Amino acid sequence: MKASLIKDCRNFLHSEDGAVTVDWVVLTAAVVGLGTVAGAVIWSKTGVATAQIATYIGEQSINTSTF
């Protein structure tokens, strides 16, 4: 029984079936994670820029004089 279990464990560790699938899952998770981080950074910076632009536009006066 013990020899069979050791043999089964050894076969499992040396088997490469499904390794490509695992690689793709890890790569996909990494890409999604990096995209999430990049999106969060960009999202936070656009809020600040939007507020500054709105303040600038709100402070501008409109010239209503005619020629």
PDB file of N, CA and C in Angstrom:
ATOM      1  N   MET A   1       0.827  -1.195   0.000  1.00  0.00           N
ATOM      2  CA  MET A   1       0.000   0.000   0.000  1.00  0.00           C
ATOM      3  C   MET A   1       0.867   1.254   0.000  1.00  0.00           C
ATOM      4  N   LYS A   2       1.890   1.277   0.864  1.00  0.00           N
ATOM      5  CA  LYS A   2       2.749   2.447   0.964  1.00  0.00           C
ATOM      6  C   LYS A   2       3.523   2.674  -0.324  1.00  0.00           C
ATOM      7  N   ALA A   3       4.007   1.600  -0.943  1.00  0.00           N
ATOM      8  CA  ALA A   3       4.751   1.718  -2.201  1.00  0.00           C
ATOM      9  C   ALA A   3       3.842   2.244  -3.306  1.00  0.00           C
ATOM     10  N   SER A   4       2.605   1.807  -3.295  1.00  0.00           N
ATOM     11  CA  SER A   4       1.651   2.270  -4.305  1.00  0.00           C
ATOM     12  C   SER A   4       1.356   3.765  -4.130  1.00  0.00           C
ATOM     13  N   LEU A   5       1.230   4.204  -2.889  1.00  0.00           N
ATOM     14  CA  LEU A   5       0.965   5.609  -2.616  1.00  0.00           C
ATOM     15  C   LEU A   5       2.143   6.475  -3.044  1.00  0.00           C
ATOM     16  N   ILE A   6       3.347   6.023  -2.744  1.00  0.00           N
ATOM     17  CA  ILE A   6       4.543   6.762  -3.150  1.00  0.00           C
ATOM     18  C   ILE A   6       4.635   6.815  -4.667  1.00  0.00           C
ATOM     19  N   LYS A   7       4.339   5.695  -5.321  1.00  0.00           N
ATOM     20  CA  LYS A   7       4.374   5.655  -6.788  1.00  0.00           C
ATOM     21  C   LYS A   7       3.329   6.609  -7.373  1.00  0.00           C
ATOM     22  N   ASP A   8       2.139   6.611  -6.787  1.00  0.00           N
ATOM     23  CA  ASP A   8       1.083   7.507  -7.272  1.00  0.00           C
ATOM     24  C   ASP A   8       1.470   8.977  -7.084  1.00  0.00           C
ATOM     25  N   CYS A   9       2.066   9.298  -5.948  1.00  0.00           N
ATOM     26  CA  CYS A   9       2.511  10.681  -5.703  1.00  0.00           C
ATOM     27  C   CYS A   9       3.604  11.079  -6.683  1.00  0.00           C
ATOM     28  N   ARG A  10       4.535  10.185  -6.926  1.00  0.00           N
ATOM     29  CA  ARG A  10       5.624  10.473  -7.861  1.00  0.00           C
ATOM     30  C   ARG A  10       5.064  10.694  -9.270  1.00  0.00           C
ATOM     31  N   ASN A  11       4.135   9.841  -9.690  1.00  0.00           N
ATOM     32  CA  ASN A  11       3.519  10.002 -11.013  1.00  0.00           C
ATOM     33  C   ASN A  11       2.762  11.328 -11.112  1.00  0.00           C
ATOM     34  N   PHE A  12       2.079  11.691 -10.045  1.00  0.00           N
ATOM     35  CA  PHE A  12       1.326  12.943 -10.044  1.00  0.00           C
ATOM     36  C   PHE A  12       2.265  14.141 -10.167  1.00  0.00           C
ATOM     37  N   LEU A  13       3.360  14.129  -9.426  1.00  0.00           N
ATOM     38  CA  LEU A  13       4.294  15.254  -9.450  1.00  0.00           C
ATOM     39  C   LEU A  13       5.023  15.383 -10.776  1.00  0.00           C
ATOM     40  N   HIS A  14       5.248  14.273 -11.460  1.00  0.00           N
ATOM     41  CA  HIS A  14       5.967  14.318 -12.734  1.00  0.00           C
ATOM     42  C   HIS A  14       5.039  14.461 -13.939  1.00  0.00           C
ATOM     43  N   SER A  15       3.751  14.353 -13.713  1.00  0.00           N
ATOM     44  CA  SER A  15       2.789  14.488 -14.806  1.00  0.00           C
ATOM     45  C   SER A  15       2.701  15.944 -15.241  1.00  0.00           C
ATOM     46  N   GLU A  16       2.619  16.162 -16.534  1.00  0.00           N
ATOM     47  CA  GLU A  16       2.514  17.521 -17.065  1.00  0.00           C
ATOM     48  C   GLU A  16       1.148  17.787 -17.689  1.00  0.00           C
ATOM     49  N   ASP A  17       0.222  16.884 -17.540  1.00  0.00           N
ATOM     50  CA  ASP A  17      -1.129  17.096 -18.056  1.00  0.00           C
ATOM     51  C   ASP A  17      -1.774  18.263 -17.318  1.00  0.00           C
ATOM     52  N   GLY A  18      -2.276  19.205 -18.057  1.00  0.00           N
ATOM     53  CA  GLY A  18      -2.935  20.360 -17.468  1.00  0.00           C
ATOM     54  C   GLY A  18      -1.998  21.490 -17.090  1.00  0.00           C
ATOM     55  N   ALA A  19      -0.705  21.314 -17.316  1.00  0.00           N
ATOM     56  CA  ALA A  19       0.252  22.357 -16.936  1.00  0.00           C
ATOM     57  C   ALA A  19       0.040  23.627 -17.757  1.00  0.00           C
ATOM     58  N   VAL A  20      -0.313  23.467 -19.023  1.00  0.00           N
ATOM     59  CA  VAL A  20      -0.544  24.637 -19.877  1.00  0.00           C
ATOM     60  C   VAL A  20      -1.764  25.410 -19.380  1.00  0.00           C
ATOM     61  N   THR A  21      -2.778  24.690 -18.950  1.00  0.00           N
ATOM     62  CA  THR A  21      -3.973  25.343 -18.420  1.00  0.00           C
ATOM     63  C   THR A  21      -3.637  26.149 -17.172  1.00  0.00           C
ATOM     64  N   VAL A  22      -2.838  25.568 -16.302  1.00  0.00           N
ATOM     65  CA  VAL A  22      -2.434  26.278 -15.086  1.00  0.00           C
ATOM     66  C   VAL A  22      -1.639  27.523 -15.450  1.00  0.00           C
ATOM     67  N   ASP A  23      -0.739  27.405 -16.433  1.00  0.00           N
ATOM     68  CA  ASP A  23       0.041  28.567 -16.872  1.00  0.00           C
ATOM     69  C   ASP A  23      -0.875  29.683 -17.359  1.00  0.00           C
ATOM     70  N   TRP A  24      -1.877  29.324 -18.166  1.00  0.00           N
ATOM     71  CA  TRP A  24      -2.786  30.338 -18.694  1.00  0.00           C
ATOM     72  C   TRP A  24      -3.610  30.980 -17.586  1.00  0.00           C
ATOM     73  N   VAL A  25      -4.014  30.194 -16.611  1.00  0.00           N
ATOM     74  CA  VAL A  25      -4.787  30.744 -15.494  1.00  0.00           C
ATOM     75  C   VAL A  25      -3.942  31.745 -14.715  1.00  0.00           C
ATOM     76  N   VAL A  26      -2.689  31.396 -14.454  1.00  0.00           N
ATOM     77  CA  VAL A  26      -1.798  32.293 -13.716  1.00  0.00           C
ATOM     78  C   VAL A  26      -1.527  33.559 -14.524  1.00  0.00           C
ATOM     79  N   LEU A  27      -1.247  33.415 -15.814  1.00  0.00           N
ATOM     80  CA  LEU A  27      -0.988  34.586 -16.655  1.00  0.00           C
ATOM     81  C   LEU A  27      -2.214  35.489 -16.751  1.00  0.00           C
ATOM     82  N   THR A  28      -3.380  34.894 -16.902  1.00  0.00           N
ATOM     83  CA  THR A  28      -4.609  35.678 -16.983  1.00  0.00           C
ATOM     84  C   THR A  28      -4.867  36.425 -15.678  1.00  0.00           C
ATOM     85  N   ALA A  29      -4.646  35.758 -14.561  1.00  0.00           N
ATOM     86  CA  ALA A  29      -4.826  36.414 -13.263  1.00  0.00           C
ATOM     87  C   ALA A  29      -3.850  37.578 -13.101  1.00  0.00           C
ATOM     88  N   ALA A  30      -2.625  37.408 -13.577  1.00  0.00           N
ATOM     89  CA  ALA A  30      -1.635  38.486 -13.482  1.00  0.00           C
ATOM     90  C   ALA A  30      -2.048  39.679 -14.332  1.00  0.00           C
ATOM     91  N   VAL A  31      -2.522  39.423 -15.544  1.00  0.00           N
ATOM     92  CA  VAL A  31      -2.947  40.512 -16.430  1.00  0.00           C
ATOM     93  C   VAL A  31      -4.153  41.244 -15.841  1.00  0.00           C
ATOM     94  N   VAL A  32      -5.105  40.503 -15.319  1.00  0.00           N
ATOM     95  CA  VAL A  32      -6.283  41.129 -14.709  1.00  0.00           C
ATOM     96  C   VAL A  32      -5.880  41.949 -13.486  1.00  0.00           C
ATOM     97  N   GLY A  33      -4.975  41.419 -12.684  1.00  0.00           N
ATOM     98  CA  GLY A  33      -4.508  42.149 -11.506  1.00  0.00           C
ATOM     99  C   GLY A  33      -3.803  43.438 -11.868  1.00  0.00           C
ATOM    100  N   LEU A  34      -2.916  43.376 -12.856  1.00  0.00           N
ATOM    101  CA  LEU A  34      -2.214  44.586 -13.290  1.00  0.00           C
ATOM    102  C   LEU A  34      -3.187  45.603 -13.886  1.00  0.00           C
ATOM    103  N   GLY A  35      -4.158  45.125 -14.647  1.00  0.00           N
ATOM    104  CA  GLY A  35      -5.163  46.025 -15.212  1.00  0.00           C
ATOM    105  C   GLY A  35      -6.000  46.697 -14.138  1.00  0.00           C
ATOM    106  N   THR A  36      -6.322  45.959 -13.098  1.00  0.00           N
ATOM    107  CA  THR A  36      -7.090  46.523 -11.992  1.00  0.00           C
ATOM    108  C   THR A  36      -6.299  47.608 -11.269  1.00  0.00           C
ATOM    109  N   VAL A  37      -5.030  47.336 -11.023  1.00  0.00           N
ATOM    110  CA  VAL A  37      -4.182  48.331 -10.355  1.00  0.00           C
ATOM    111  C   VAL A  37      -4.037  49.577 -11.225  1.00  0.00           C
ATOM    112  N   ALA A  38      -3.774  49.380 -12.515  1.00  0.00           N
ATOM    113  CA  ALA A  38      -3.630  50.526 -13.421  1.00  0.00           C
ATOM    114  C   ALA A  38      -4.928  51.327 -13.491  1.00  0.00           C
ATOM    115  N   GLY A  39      -6.051  50.644 -13.574  1.00  0.00           N
ATOM    116  CA  GLY A  39      -7.338  51.330 -13.613  1.00  0.00           C
ATOM    117  C   GLY A  39      -7.612  52.128 -12.353  1.00  0.00           C
ATOM    118  N   ALA A  40      -7.247  51.572 -11.203  1.00  0.00           N
ATOM    119  CA  ALA A  40      -7.460  52.284  -9.938  1.00  0.00           C
ATOM    120  C   ALA A  40      -6.604  53.542  -9.866  1.00  0.00           C
ATOM    121  N   VAL A  41      -5.365  53.452 -10.327  1.00  0.00           N
ATOM    122  CA  VAL A  41      -4.482  54.624 -10.310  1.00  0.00           C
ATOM    123  C   VAL A  41      -5.015  55.707 -11.238  1.00  0.00           C
ATOM    124  N   ILE A  42      -5.400  55.318 -12.435  1.00  0.00           N
ATOM    125  CA  ILE A  42      -5.921  56.285 -13.408  1.00  0.00           C
ATOM    126  C   ILE A  42      -7.230  56.890 -12.909  1.00  0.00           C
ATOM    127  N   TRP A  43      -8.101  56.064 -12.343  1.00  0.00           N
ATOM    128  CA  TRP A  43      -9.399  56.533 -11.859  1.00  0.00           C
ATOM    129  C   TRP A  43      -9.229  57.585 -10.772  1.00  0.00           C
ATOM    130  N   SER A  44      -8.308  57.355  -9.850  1.00  0.00           N
ATOM    131  CA  SER A  44      -8.126  58.317  -8.759  1.00  0.00           C
ATOM    132  C   SER A  44      -7.557  59.634  -9.270  1.00  0.00           C
ATOM    133  N   LYS A  45      -6.694  59.589 -10.259  1.00  0.00           N
ATOM    134  CA  LYS A  45      -6.095  60.816 -10.796  1.00  0.00           C
ATOM    135  C   LYS A  45      -7.087  61.609 -11.638  1.00  0.00           C
ATOM    136  N   THR A  46      -8.000  60.945 -12.329  1.00  0.00           N
ATOM    137  CA  THR A  46      -8.969  61.669 -13.152  1.00  0.00           C
ATOM    138  C   THR A  46      -9.961  62.438 -12.295  1.00  0.00           C
ATOM    139  N   GLY A  47     -10.264  61.944 -11.114  1.00  0.00           N
ATOM    140  CA  GLY A  47     -11.168  62.671 -10.220  1.00  0.00           C
ATOM    141  C   GLY A  47     -10.581  64.002  -9.794  1.00  0.00           C
ATOM    142  N   VAL A  48      -9.302  64.011  -9.479  1.00  0.00           N
ATOM    143  CA  VAL A  48      -8.617  65.249  -9.086  1.00  0.00           C
ATOM    144  C   VAL A  48      -8.569  66.213 -10.264  1.00  0.00           C
ATOM    145  N   ALA A  49      -8.219  65.712 -11.439  1.00  0.00           N
ATOM    146  CA  ALA A  49      -8.140  66.565 -12.626  1.00  0.00           C
ATOM    147  C   ALA A  49      -9.510  67.140 -12.972  1.00  0.00           C
ATOM    148  N   THR A  50     -10.545  66.340 -12.850  1.00  0.00           N
ATOM    149  CA  THR A  50     -11.898  66.813 -13.141  1.00  0.00           C
ATOM    150  C   THR A  50     -12.294  67.947 -12.202  1.00  0.00           C
ATOM    151  N   ALA A  51     -11.989  67.809 -10.944  1.00  0.00           N
ATOM    152  CA  ALA A  51     -12.317  68.861  -9.974  1.00  0.00           C
ATOM    153  C   ALA A  51     -11.549  70.142 -10.276  1.00  0.00           C
ATOM    154  N   GLN A  52     -10.294  70.028 -10.649  1.00  0.00           N
ATOM    155  CA  GLN A  52      -9.497  71.215 -10.969  1.00  0.00           C
ATOM    156  C   GLN A  52     -10.013  71.906 -12.228  1.00  0.00           C
ATOM    157  N   ILE A  53     -10.378  71.129 -13.226  1.00  0.00           N
ATOM    158  CA  ILE A  53     -10.918  71.707 -14.462  1.00  0.00           C
ATOM    159  C   ILE A  53     -12.249  72.403 -14.186  1.00  0.00           C
ATOM    160  N   ALA A  54     -13.105  71.768 -13.394  1.00  0.00           N
ATOM    161  CA  ALA A  54     -14.401  72.370 -13.069  1.00  0.00           C
ATOM    162  C   ALA A  54     -14.221  73.680 -12.308  1.00  0.00           C
ATOM    163  N   THR A  55     -13.279  73.723 -11.396  1.00  0.00           N
ATOM    164  CA  THR A  55     -12.999  74.957 -10.655  1.00  0.00           C
ATOM    165  C   THR A  55     -12.501  76.045 -11.591  1.00  0.00           C
ATOM    166  N   TYR A  56     -11.596  75.699 -12.477  1.00  0.00           N
ATOM    167  CA  TYR A  56     -11.046  76.676 -13.422  1.00  0.00           C
ATOM    168  C   TYR A  56     -12.137  77.236 -14.331  1.00  0.00           C
ATOM    169  N   ILE A  57     -12.964  76.354 -14.878  1.00  0.00           N
ATOM    170  CA  ILE A  57     -14.034  76.805 -15.775  1.00  0.00           C
ATOM    171  C   ILE A  57     -15.044  77.658 -15.010  1.00  0.00           C
ATOM    172  N   GLY A  58     -15.340  77.272 -13.778  1.00  0.00           N
ATOM    173  CA  GLY A  58     -16.297  78.038 -12.974  1.00  0.00           C
ATOM    174  C   GLY A  58     -15.812  79.431 -12.631  1.00  0.00           C
ATOM    175  N   GLU A  59     -14.520  79.635 -12.575  1.00  0.00           N
ATOM    176  CA  GLU A  59     -13.961  80.945 -12.240  1.00  0.00           C
ATOM    177  C   GLU A  59     -13.848  81.875 -13.445  1.00  0.00           C
ATOM    178  N   GLN A  60     -14.062  81.381 -14.641  1.00  0.00           N
ATOM    179  CA  GLN A  60     -13.918  82.198 -15.846  1.00  0.00           C
ATOM    180  C   GLN A  60     -15.148  83.089 -16.022  1.00  0.00           C
ATOM    181  N   SER A  61     -14.902  84.286 -16.510  1.00  0.00           N
ATOM    182  CA  SER A  61     -16.020  85.193 -16.778  1.00  0.00           C
ATOM    183  C   SER A  61     -16.285  85.216 -18.281  1.00  0.00           C
ATOM    184  N   ILE A  62     -17.515  85.517 -18.614  1.00  0.00           N
ATOM    185  CA  ILE A  62     -17.915  85.567 -20.013  1.00  0.00           C
ATOM    186  C   ILE A  62     -17.965  87.031 -20.438  1.00  0.00           C
ATOM    187  N   ASN A  63     -17.279  87.343 -21.516  1.00  0.00           N
ATOM    188  CA  ASN A  63     -17.274  88.708 -22.049  1.00  0.00           C
ATOM    189  C   ASN A  63     -18.553  88.906 -22.855  1.00  0.00           C
ATOM    190  N   THR A  64     -19.420  89.769 -22.382  1.00  0.00           N
ATOM    191  CA  THR A  64     -20.707  89.990 -23.051  1.00  0.00           C
ATOM    192  C   THR A  64     -20.760  91.312 -23.810  1.00  0.00           C
ATOM    193  N   SER A  65     -19.649  92.010 -23.908  1.00  0.00           N
ATOM    194  CA  SER A  65     -19.660  93.292 -24.627  1.00  0.00           C
ATOM    195  C   SER A  65     -19.793  93.038 -26.126  1.00  0.00           C
ATOM    196  N   THR A  66     -20.468  93.940 -26.797  1.00  0.00           N
ATOM    197  CA  THR A  66     -20.651  93.834 -28.246  1.00  0.00           C
ATOM    198  C   THR A  66     -19.766  94.839 -28.951  1.00  0.00           C
ATOM    199  N   PHE A  67     -19.484  94.608 -30.180  1.00  0.00           N
ATOM    200  CA  PHE A  67     -18.602  95.503 -30.959  1.00  0.00           C
ATOM    201  C   PHE A  67     -19.338  96.668 -31.491  1.00  0.00           C
TER     202      PHE A  67
END
